[in-house]
N, C-alpha and C. Protein backbone atom coordinates (compact mmCIF):
# COMPACT_ATOMS: atom_id res chain seq x y z
N MET A 1 100.25 326.02 222.53
CA MET A 1 101.54 325.50 222.47
C MET A 1 101.66 324.82 221.10
N ALA A 2 102.92 325.15 220.29
CA ALA A 2 103.00 324.70 219.08
C ALA A 2 103.41 323.08 219.14
N LYS A 3 102.98 322.56 218.13
CA LYS A 3 103.25 320.96 218.04
C LYS A 3 104.69 320.96 217.59
N PRO A 4 105.65 319.86 218.11
CA PRO A 4 106.81 319.72 217.74
C PRO A 4 106.93 319.17 216.26
N ILE A 5 108.22 319.60 215.60
CA ILE A 5 108.27 319.20 214.32
C ILE A 5 108.90 317.80 214.27
N PRO A 6 108.28 316.64 213.53
CA PRO A 6 108.65 315.56 213.52
C PRO A 6 109.90 315.18 212.91
N LYS A 7 110.82 314.36 213.46
CA LYS A 7 112.14 314.34 212.85
C LYS A 7 111.99 313.43 211.50
N VAL A 8 112.68 313.84 210.45
CA VAL A 8 112.55 313.11 209.25
C VAL A 8 113.39 311.72 209.10
N GLY A 9 112.57 310.64 208.93
CA GLY A 9 113.15 309.45 208.99
C GLY A 9 113.03 308.65 210.30
N SER A 10 112.12 309.27 211.09
CA SER A 10 111.87 308.54 212.52
C SER A 10 110.82 307.39 212.16
N ARG A 11 110.78 306.34 213.07
CA ARG A 11 110.13 305.30 212.81
C ARG A 11 108.43 305.59 212.85
N LYS A 12 108.24 306.52 213.58
CA LYS A 12 106.78 307.08 213.69
C LYS A 12 106.14 307.56 212.38
N ASN A 13 106.91 308.00 211.47
CA ASN A 13 106.37 308.53 210.27
C ASN A 13 106.17 307.55 209.39
N GLY A 14 106.68 306.06 209.66
CA GLY A 14 106.36 305.17 208.82
C GLY A 14 107.37 305.16 207.55
N ARG A 15 106.77 304.65 206.46
CA ARG A 15 107.81 304.65 205.24
C ARG A 15 107.97 306.10 204.66
N ILE A 16 109.15 306.43 204.27
CA ILE A 16 109.55 307.81 203.79
C ILE A 16 109.21 307.90 202.37
N GLY A 17 109.86 306.80 201.52
CA GLY A 17 109.61 306.66 199.99
C GLY A 17 108.26 306.11 199.61
N SER A 18 107.75 306.46 198.60
CA SER A 18 106.36 305.80 198.09
C SER A 18 106.77 304.45 197.57
N ARG A 19 106.05 303.46 197.62
CA ARG A 19 106.33 302.08 197.17
C ARG A 19 105.06 301.74 196.12
N LYS A 20 104.59 302.77 195.41
CA LYS A 20 103.69 302.42 194.43
C LYS A 20 103.92 301.47 193.39
N GLN A 21 105.03 301.56 192.76
CA GLN A 21 105.55 300.67 191.74
C GLN A 21 106.57 299.57 192.45
N THR A 22 106.39 298.53 192.05
CA THR A 22 107.46 297.40 192.61
C THR A 22 108.75 297.41 191.74
N ARG A 23 109.72 297.41 192.69
CA ARG A 23 111.17 297.52 192.11
C ARG A 23 111.40 296.12 191.32
N LYS A 24 112.04 296.46 190.18
CA LYS A 24 112.55 295.44 189.35
C LYS A 24 113.87 295.00 189.89
N ILE A 25 113.98 293.49 190.25
CA ILE A 25 115.26 293.12 190.77
C ILE A 25 115.73 291.85 189.91
N PRO A 26 116.69 292.15 189.00
CA PRO A 26 116.97 291.03 188.12
C PRO A 26 118.01 290.16 188.74
N LYS A 27 118.75 290.60 189.57
CA LYS A 27 119.71 289.68 190.05
C LYS A 27 119.50 289.46 191.79
N GLY A 28 119.78 288.40 192.56
CA GLY A 28 119.59 288.38 193.82
C GLY A 28 120.42 287.30 194.47
N VAL A 29 120.36 287.05 195.67
CA VAL A 29 120.82 286.11 196.48
C VAL A 29 119.86 285.47 197.37
N ILE A 30 119.83 283.95 197.22
CA ILE A 30 119.04 283.09 198.10
C ILE A 30 119.74 282.43 199.19
N TYR A 31 119.26 282.73 200.28
CA TYR A 31 119.92 282.27 201.54
C TYR A 31 119.18 280.98 202.22
N VAL A 32 119.68 279.86 202.22
CA VAL A 32 118.71 278.93 202.87
C VAL A 32 119.53 278.45 204.22
N GLN A 33 118.91 278.45 205.31
CA GLN A 33 119.40 278.06 206.42
C GLN A 33 118.66 276.97 206.91
N ALA A 34 119.06 275.54 206.98
CA ALA A 34 118.61 274.30 207.38
C ALA A 34 119.13 273.98 208.72
N SER A 35 118.38 273.80 209.54
CA SER A 35 118.77 273.34 210.92
C SER A 35 117.75 271.89 211.09
N PHE A 36 117.94 271.44 212.18
CA PHE A 36 117.23 270.29 212.32
C PHE A 36 115.56 270.46 212.75
N ASN A 37 115.50 271.73 213.16
CA ASN A 37 114.24 272.13 213.78
C ASN A 37 113.47 272.80 212.57
N ASN A 38 114.06 273.68 211.79
CA ASN A 38 113.50 274.50 210.83
C ASN A 38 114.35 274.72 209.68
N THR A 39 113.48 275.31 208.51
CA THR A 39 114.50 275.68 207.50
C THR A 39 113.81 277.20 207.16
N ILE A 40 114.84 278.02 207.05
CA ILE A 40 114.54 279.49 206.76
C ILE A 40 115.12 279.83 205.37
N VAL A 41 114.18 280.45 204.44
CA VAL A 41 114.67 280.65 203.02
C VAL A 41 114.58 282.41 203.04
N THR A 42 115.69 283.02 202.83
CA THR A 42 115.70 284.42 202.61
C THR A 42 116.22 284.78 201.20
N VAL A 43 115.37 285.81 200.53
CA VAL A 43 115.90 286.35 199.19
C VAL A 43 116.14 287.63 199.28
N THR A 44 117.51 288.19 198.86
CA THR A 44 117.98 289.46 199.04
C THR A 44 118.26 290.04 197.63
N ASP A 45 118.45 291.20 197.52
CA ASP A 45 119.07 291.85 196.23
C ASP A 45 120.66 291.57 196.45
N VAL A 46 121.35 292.08 195.32
CA VAL A 46 122.73 291.91 195.51
C VAL A 46 123.38 292.60 196.72
N ARG A 47 122.79 293.89 197.03
CA ARG A 47 123.56 294.59 198.11
C ARG A 47 122.98 294.00 199.54
N GLY A 48 122.33 292.86 199.69
CA GLY A 48 121.88 292.30 200.94
C GLY A 48 120.47 292.91 201.42
N ARG A 49 119.95 293.66 200.90
CA ARG A 49 118.62 294.01 201.41
C ARG A 49 117.57 293.00 201.14
N VAL A 50 116.83 292.53 202.31
CA VAL A 50 115.74 291.37 202.17
C VAL A 50 114.65 291.87 201.28
N ILE A 51 114.27 291.03 200.42
CA ILE A 51 113.21 291.35 199.57
C ILE A 51 111.96 290.34 200.16
N SER A 52 112.17 289.12 200.41
CA SER A 52 111.20 288.52 200.81
C SER A 52 112.04 287.12 201.61
N TRP A 53 111.11 286.55 202.38
CA TRP A 53 111.57 285.30 203.18
C TRP A 53 110.31 284.43 203.57
N ALA A 54 110.90 283.23 203.95
CA ALA A 54 109.75 282.26 204.50
C ALA A 54 110.63 281.10 205.19
N SER A 55 109.71 280.83 206.20
CA SER A 55 110.32 279.42 206.99
C SER A 55 109.18 278.55 207.01
N ALA A 56 109.76 277.27 207.44
CA ALA A 56 108.73 276.22 207.65
C ALA A 56 107.83 276.61 208.44
N GLY A 57 108.03 277.32 209.66
CA GLY A 57 107.06 277.66 210.68
C GLY A 57 106.15 278.68 210.42
N SER A 58 106.63 279.53 209.45
CA SER A 58 105.62 280.70 208.70
C SER A 58 104.63 280.13 207.70
N CYS A 59 105.05 278.82 207.10
CA CYS A 59 104.24 278.21 206.07
C CYS A 59 103.05 277.35 206.83
N GLY A 60 103.11 277.39 208.09
CA GLY A 60 102.07 276.57 208.86
C GLY A 60 102.39 275.39 209.50
N PHE A 61 103.64 274.78 209.19
CA PHE A 61 104.20 273.83 209.83
C PHE A 61 104.54 273.78 211.37
N LYS A 62 104.19 272.88 212.24
CA LYS A 62 104.33 273.15 213.77
C LYS A 62 105.00 271.96 214.14
N GLY A 63 105.82 272.08 215.23
CA GLY A 63 106.66 270.90 215.88
C GLY A 63 107.76 270.36 215.06
N THR A 64 107.75 269.23 215.11
CA THR A 64 108.78 268.40 214.38
C THR A 64 108.68 268.40 212.91
N ARG A 65 107.45 268.74 212.51
CA ARG A 65 107.19 268.49 210.98
C ARG A 65 108.01 269.90 210.36
N ARG A 66 108.37 270.85 211.18
CA ARG A 66 109.04 271.93 210.63
C ARG A 66 110.31 271.68 209.97
N GLY A 67 111.08 270.56 210.63
CA GLY A 67 112.31 270.07 210.10
C GLY A 67 112.42 269.09 208.80
N THR A 68 110.97 268.94 208.29
CA THR A 68 111.02 268.00 207.30
C THR A 68 111.44 268.42 205.98
N PRO A 69 111.77 267.67 204.98
CA PRO A 69 112.06 268.09 203.61
C PRO A 69 111.09 268.88 202.91
N PHE A 70 109.64 268.42 203.17
CA PHE A 70 108.51 268.87 202.49
C PHE A 70 108.33 270.19 202.99
N ALA A 71 108.56 270.53 204.12
CA ALA A 71 108.40 271.96 204.81
C ALA A 71 109.23 272.88 204.33
N ALA A 72 110.67 272.49 204.14
CA ALA A 72 111.53 273.18 203.39
C ALA A 72 111.20 273.62 201.97
N GLN A 73 110.58 272.72 201.22
CA GLN A 73 110.37 272.89 199.78
C GLN A 73 109.27 273.84 199.90
N THR A 74 108.14 273.84 200.74
CA THR A 74 107.04 274.63 200.77
C THR A 74 107.70 276.14 201.11
N ALA A 75 108.59 276.23 201.89
CA ALA A 75 109.07 277.56 202.39
C ALA A 75 109.86 278.08 201.13
N ALA A 76 110.62 277.36 200.40
CA ALA A 76 111.44 277.76 199.46
C ALA A 76 110.35 278.17 198.39
N GLY A 77 109.42 277.48 198.00
CA GLY A 77 108.42 278.04 196.96
C GLY A 77 107.84 279.27 197.31
N ASN A 78 107.36 279.42 198.71
CA ASN A 78 106.66 280.62 199.16
C ASN A 78 107.58 281.79 198.90
N ALA A 79 109.08 281.68 199.49
CA ALA A 79 109.96 282.88 199.33
C ALA A 79 110.15 283.06 198.04
N ILE A 80 110.23 282.33 197.03
CA ILE A 80 110.63 282.67 195.81
C ILE A 80 109.34 283.12 194.79
N ARG A 81 108.19 282.81 195.15
CA ARG A 81 107.03 283.21 194.44
C ARG A 81 107.00 284.86 194.26
N THR A 82 107.19 285.30 195.44
CA THR A 82 107.00 286.82 195.47
C THR A 82 108.28 287.50 194.61
N VAL A 83 109.48 287.04 194.54
CA VAL A 83 110.57 287.71 193.78
C VAL A 83 110.34 287.40 192.41
N ALA A 84 109.83 286.25 192.02
CA ALA A 84 109.70 285.75 190.69
C ALA A 84 108.72 286.74 190.03
N ASP A 85 107.57 287.28 190.76
CA ASP A 85 106.72 288.27 190.20
C ASP A 85 107.40 289.59 190.21
N GLN A 86 108.40 289.98 190.89
CA GLN A 86 109.17 291.10 190.58
C GLN A 86 110.19 291.15 189.75
N GLY A 87 110.23 289.98 188.90
CA GLY A 87 111.21 289.96 187.91
C GLY A 87 112.54 289.49 187.99
N MET A 88 112.62 288.59 189.09
CA MET A 88 114.24 288.03 189.50
C MET A 88 114.45 286.94 188.40
N GLN A 89 115.56 286.98 187.63
CA GLN A 89 116.00 285.99 186.65
C GLN A 89 117.15 285.08 187.03
N ARG A 90 118.19 285.70 187.78
CA ARG A 90 119.40 284.94 188.18
C ARG A 90 119.42 285.23 189.69
N ALA A 91 120.16 284.19 190.16
CA ALA A 91 120.51 284.40 191.60
C ALA A 91 121.59 283.25 191.87
N ASP A 92 122.18 283.68 193.15
CA ASP A 92 123.26 282.85 193.60
C ASP A 92 122.45 282.15 194.93
N VAL A 93 123.10 280.98 195.21
CA VAL A 93 122.47 280.24 196.52
C VAL A 93 123.29 279.88 197.34
N MET A 94 123.17 280.37 198.64
CA MET A 94 123.98 279.94 199.79
C MET A 94 123.29 279.13 200.75
N ILE A 95 123.83 278.06 200.90
CA ILE A 95 123.03 276.97 201.66
C ILE A 95 123.97 276.74 203.25
N LYS A 96 123.22 276.80 204.18
CA LYS A 96 124.08 276.67 205.59
C LYS A 96 123.29 275.76 206.60
N GLY A 97 123.99 274.95 207.24
CA GLY A 97 123.32 274.01 208.03
C GLY A 97 123.02 272.74 207.90
N PRO A 98 123.02 271.67 208.60
CA PRO A 98 123.08 270.41 208.49
C PRO A 98 121.63 269.74 208.44
N GLY A 99 120.64 270.50 208.31
CA GLY A 99 119.16 269.96 208.39
C GLY A 99 118.74 269.13 207.00
N LEU A 100 117.67 268.46 207.30
CA LEU A 100 117.09 267.73 206.21
C LEU A 100 116.46 268.79 205.02
N GLY A 101 116.32 269.72 205.25
CA GLY A 101 115.81 270.66 204.16
C GLY A 101 116.67 270.92 203.19
N ARG A 102 118.01 270.89 203.19
CA ARG A 102 118.79 271.50 202.42
C ARG A 102 118.66 270.99 200.92
N ASP A 103 118.41 269.74 200.50
CA ASP A 103 118.29 269.48 199.10
C ASP A 103 116.89 269.74 198.69
N ALA A 104 115.85 269.52 199.62
CA ALA A 104 114.68 269.86 199.29
C ALA A 104 114.25 271.36 198.92
N ALA A 105 114.94 272.00 199.55
CA ALA A 105 114.89 273.54 199.40
C ALA A 105 115.68 273.74 197.86
N LEU A 106 116.79 273.26 197.85
CA LEU A 106 117.45 273.46 196.46
C LEU A 106 116.71 273.05 195.28
N ARG A 107 115.89 271.77 195.36
CA ARG A 107 115.29 271.26 194.46
C ARG A 107 114.12 272.42 194.03
N ALA A 108 113.62 272.99 195.07
CA ALA A 108 112.39 273.72 194.80
C ALA A 108 112.75 275.13 194.00
N ILE A 109 114.17 275.61 194.41
CA ILE A 109 114.63 276.69 193.90
C ILE A 109 114.94 276.52 192.25
N ARG A 110 115.56 275.28 192.16
CA ARG A 110 115.69 274.73 190.66
C ARG A 110 114.48 274.77 189.98
N ARG A 111 113.51 274.21 190.44
CA ARG A 111 112.10 274.16 189.70
C ARG A 111 111.52 275.61 189.34
N SER A 112 111.80 276.67 190.17
CA SER A 112 111.26 277.73 190.08
C SER A 112 111.40 278.69 188.77
N GLY A 113 112.40 278.08 187.97
CA GLY A 113 112.82 278.71 186.91
C GLY A 113 113.72 280.03 186.66
N ILE A 114 114.30 279.98 188.13
CA ILE A 114 115.33 281.28 188.20
C ILE A 114 116.52 280.55 187.78
N LEU A 115 117.54 281.25 187.10
CA LEU A 115 118.79 280.66 186.78
C LEU A 115 119.63 280.67 187.78
N LEU A 116 120.60 279.78 188.35
CA LEU A 116 121.46 279.84 189.44
C LEU A 116 122.81 279.86 188.94
N ARG A 117 123.56 280.92 189.32
CA ARG A 117 124.74 281.17 188.66
C ARG A 117 125.80 280.30 189.62
N PHE A 118 125.54 280.26 191.09
CA PHE A 118 126.40 279.32 191.61
C PHE A 118 125.78 278.69 192.80
N ILE A 119 125.91 277.62 193.45
CA ILE A 119 125.40 277.08 194.83
C ILE A 119 126.60 276.77 195.61
N ARG A 120 126.76 277.58 196.83
CA ARG A 120 127.75 277.49 197.59
C ARG A 120 127.31 277.07 199.10
N ASP A 121 128.30 276.21 199.65
CA ASP A 121 127.78 275.88 201.12
C ASP A 121 128.49 276.64 201.91
N VAL A 122 127.87 277.25 202.80
CA VAL A 122 128.50 278.16 203.73
C VAL A 122 128.56 277.79 205.23
N THR A 123 128.32 276.53 205.31
CA THR A 123 128.07 275.84 206.83
C THR A 123 129.27 276.28 207.60
N PRO A 124 129.25 276.77 208.80
CA PRO A 124 130.60 277.28 209.53
C PRO A 124 131.23 276.01 209.94
N MET A 125 132.57 275.78 209.80
CA MET A 125 133.19 274.77 210.19
C MET A 125 134.33 274.98 211.20
N PRO A 126 134.23 274.62 212.39
CA PRO A 126 135.41 274.92 213.32
C PRO A 126 136.59 274.35 212.80
N HIS A 127 137.76 275.14 213.03
CA HIS A 127 139.00 274.74 212.81
C HIS A 127 139.74 274.52 214.10
N ASN A 128 139.02 273.24 214.88
CA ASN A 128 139.28 272.92 216.38
C ASN A 128 139.28 274.13 217.16
N GLY A 129 138.27 274.71 217.15
CA GLY A 129 137.87 275.76 218.11
C GLY A 129 137.31 275.33 219.44
N CYS A 130 136.02 275.74 219.69
CA CYS A 130 135.26 275.30 221.02
C CYS A 130 134.96 273.86 220.83
N ARG A 131 134.70 273.29 222.03
CA ARG A 131 134.36 272.02 222.01
C ARG A 131 132.73 271.87 221.57
N SER A 132 132.69 270.96 220.60
CA SER A 132 131.39 271.01 219.95
C SER A 132 130.18 270.26 221.11
N PRO A 133 128.95 270.44 220.90
CA PRO A 133 127.82 269.86 221.65
C PRO A 133 127.80 268.22 221.48
N LYS A 134 127.50 267.51 222.34
CA LYS A 134 127.29 265.97 222.02
C LYS A 134 126.40 265.56 221.02
N LYS A 135 126.92 264.58 220.24
CA LYS A 135 126.07 264.08 219.14
C LYS A 135 124.74 263.70 219.34
N ARG A 136 123.83 263.92 218.46
CA ARG A 136 122.55 263.73 218.75
C ARG A 136 122.24 262.11 218.71
N ARG A 137 121.48 261.58 219.59
CA ARG A 137 120.86 260.31 219.60
C ARG A 137 119.62 260.26 219.29
N VAL A 138 119.33 259.59 218.14
CA VAL A 138 118.04 259.65 217.48
C VAL A 138 117.17 258.20 217.67
């Protein structure tokens, strides 16, 4: 019996194009999502395709230490190190969330040597929509 012809572009085939040379990405967008429990830093190109990402949890922090500013700084440094090698020079920064890691992640991005075109706060704000959860008691 003849073998079935595999569909081009199916997940079983793995990667279709070869990735021998790394793509040069001069411009990009850095998204920082800072919650109370974790900080996630995602670096994309201008079209929105993810190039690299890191979170405080993926950097080895566990439990309540993931929400700390130092964990956010480490995550931002790890995410940006890979794209700096690929030649990223300019970036826009979008910061979302109320967490402690907002400023620390931004400082780490500033120190990396990438020129920032703008820094925008995209934290979602309700215009008197759903009832918000009870305030945290610390």
